[in-house]
Amino acid sequence: MVKTLRESKAKLSELVDTASRGEDVLITVRGTVKARLTKVGASADSFDGRAWIGELRTLQEAVKGRKKPKLAIEHILAEYRADRG
């Protein structure tokens, strides 16, 4: 099914229902396909928030000791201007 962006805005609920039944919905802007609504796969249905939080904590621990570079905007601009010469 192909719908324009204007049609999609007006009937979003209906298009989501269509996509949830397995039919892809292509959304066009000025005749060019820009987006696709599609049925959610099994991996998204079985999202485990606890596993995601565990991954996030592991990532936080990995970057905990790293220091942020402290560059002032003035320094960055000065380097940029020097490069432009």
Protein backbone atom coordinates (compact mmCIF):
# COMPACT_ATOMS: atom_id res chain seq x y z
CA MET A 1 0.00 0.00 0.00
CA VAL A 2 1.36 3.44 -0.89
CA LYS A 3 0.09 6.63 0.76
CA THR A 4 1.19 10.25 0.62
CA LEU A 5 2.41 11.97 3.76
CA ARG A 6 -0.76 14.08 3.85
CA GLU A 7 -2.97 10.96 3.67
CA SER A 8 -0.82 9.25 6.30
CA LYS A 9 -1.21 12.10 8.77
CA ALA A 10 -4.97 11.98 8.40
CA LYS A 11 -5.25 8.19 8.77
CA LEU A 12 -2.27 7.15 10.90
CA SER A 13 -4.25 4.84 13.20
CA GLU A 14 -5.71 3.01 10.21
CA LEU A 15 -2.29 2.64 8.59
CA VAL A 16 -0.75 1.31 11.81
CA ASP A 17 -3.53 -1.30 11.96
CA THR A 18 -2.84 -2.24 8.34
CA ALA A 19 0.88 -2.61 9.03
CA SER A 20 0.26 -4.64 12.19
CA ARG A 21 -1.66 -7.17 10.07
CA GLY A 22 1.46 -7.68 7.95
CA GLU A 23 0.92 -5.35 4.99
CA ASP A 24 3.74 -2.86 4.46
CA VAL A 25 2.67 0.77 4.09
CA LEU A 26 4.97 3.01 2.05
CA ILE A 27 4.77 6.75 2.71
CA THR A 28 5.74 9.14 -0.05
CA VAL A 29 6.70 12.80 -0.16
CA ARG A 30 6.43 14.43 -3.57
CA GLY A 31 6.35 11.03 -5.24
CA THR A 32 9.43 9.62 -3.49
CA VAL A 33 9.13 6.87 -0.88
CA LYS A 34 10.46 8.28 2.40
CA ALA A 35 9.27 5.80 5.04
CA ARG A 36 7.76 2.36 5.54
CA LEU A 37 5.42 1.11 8.23
CA THR A 38 5.80 -2.60 8.76
CA LYS A 39 4.76 -5.26 11.25
CA VAL A 40 6.97 -5.51 14.31
CA GLY A 41 9.10 -8.65 14.33
CA ALA A 42 9.38 -11.18 17.12
CA SER A 43 12.57 -9.60 18.48
CA ALA A 44 10.77 -6.35 19.29
CA ASP A 45 7.84 -8.23 20.83
CA SER A 46 10.18 -9.96 23.25
CA PHE A 47 12.04 -6.84 24.41
CA ASP A 48 13.61 -7.46 27.81
CA GLY A 49 14.17 -4.20 29.66
CA ARG A 50 16.28 -5.88 32.33
CA ALA A 51 18.75 -7.16 29.74
CA TRP A 52 18.97 -3.70 28.20
CA ILE A 53 19.63 -2.13 31.63
CA GLY A 54 22.36 -4.71 32.20
CA GLU A 55 24.01 -3.77 28.90
CA LEU A 56 23.74 -0.09 29.79
CA ARG A 57 25.42 -0.66 33.18
CA THR A 58 28.24 -2.61 31.50
CA LEU A 59 28.77 0.28 29.09
CA GLN A 60 28.75 2.80 31.95
CA GLU A 61 31.42 0.80 33.79
CA ALA A 62 33.53 0.61 30.63
CA VAL A 63 33.61 4.38 30.21
CA LYS A 64 33.61 5.34 33.89
CA GLY A 65 37.34 6.04 34.19
CA ARG A 66 37.66 7.97 30.95
CA LYS A 67 38.08 11.70 31.19
CA LYS A 68 36.27 14.11 28.93
CA PRO A 69 38.49 16.36 26.85
CA LYS A 70 38.25 19.92 28.13
CA LEU A 71 38.44 22.18 25.13
CA ALA A 72 37.01 25.64 25.38
CA ILE A 73 35.02 26.89 22.43
CA GLU A 74 37.53 29.71 22.05
CA HIS A 75 40.33 27.16 21.55
CA ILE A 76 38.33 25.22 18.98
CA LEU A 77 37.50 28.40 17.05
CA ALA A 78 41.11 29.57 17.14
CA GLU A 79 42.28 26.24 15.66
CA TYR A 80 39.58 26.43 13.02
CA ARG A 81 40.55 29.97 12.06
CA ALA A 82 44.27 29.05 11.97
CA ASP A 83 43.49 26.17 9.60
CA ARG A 84 41.60 28.53 7.29
CA GLY A 85 44.67 30.80 7.33
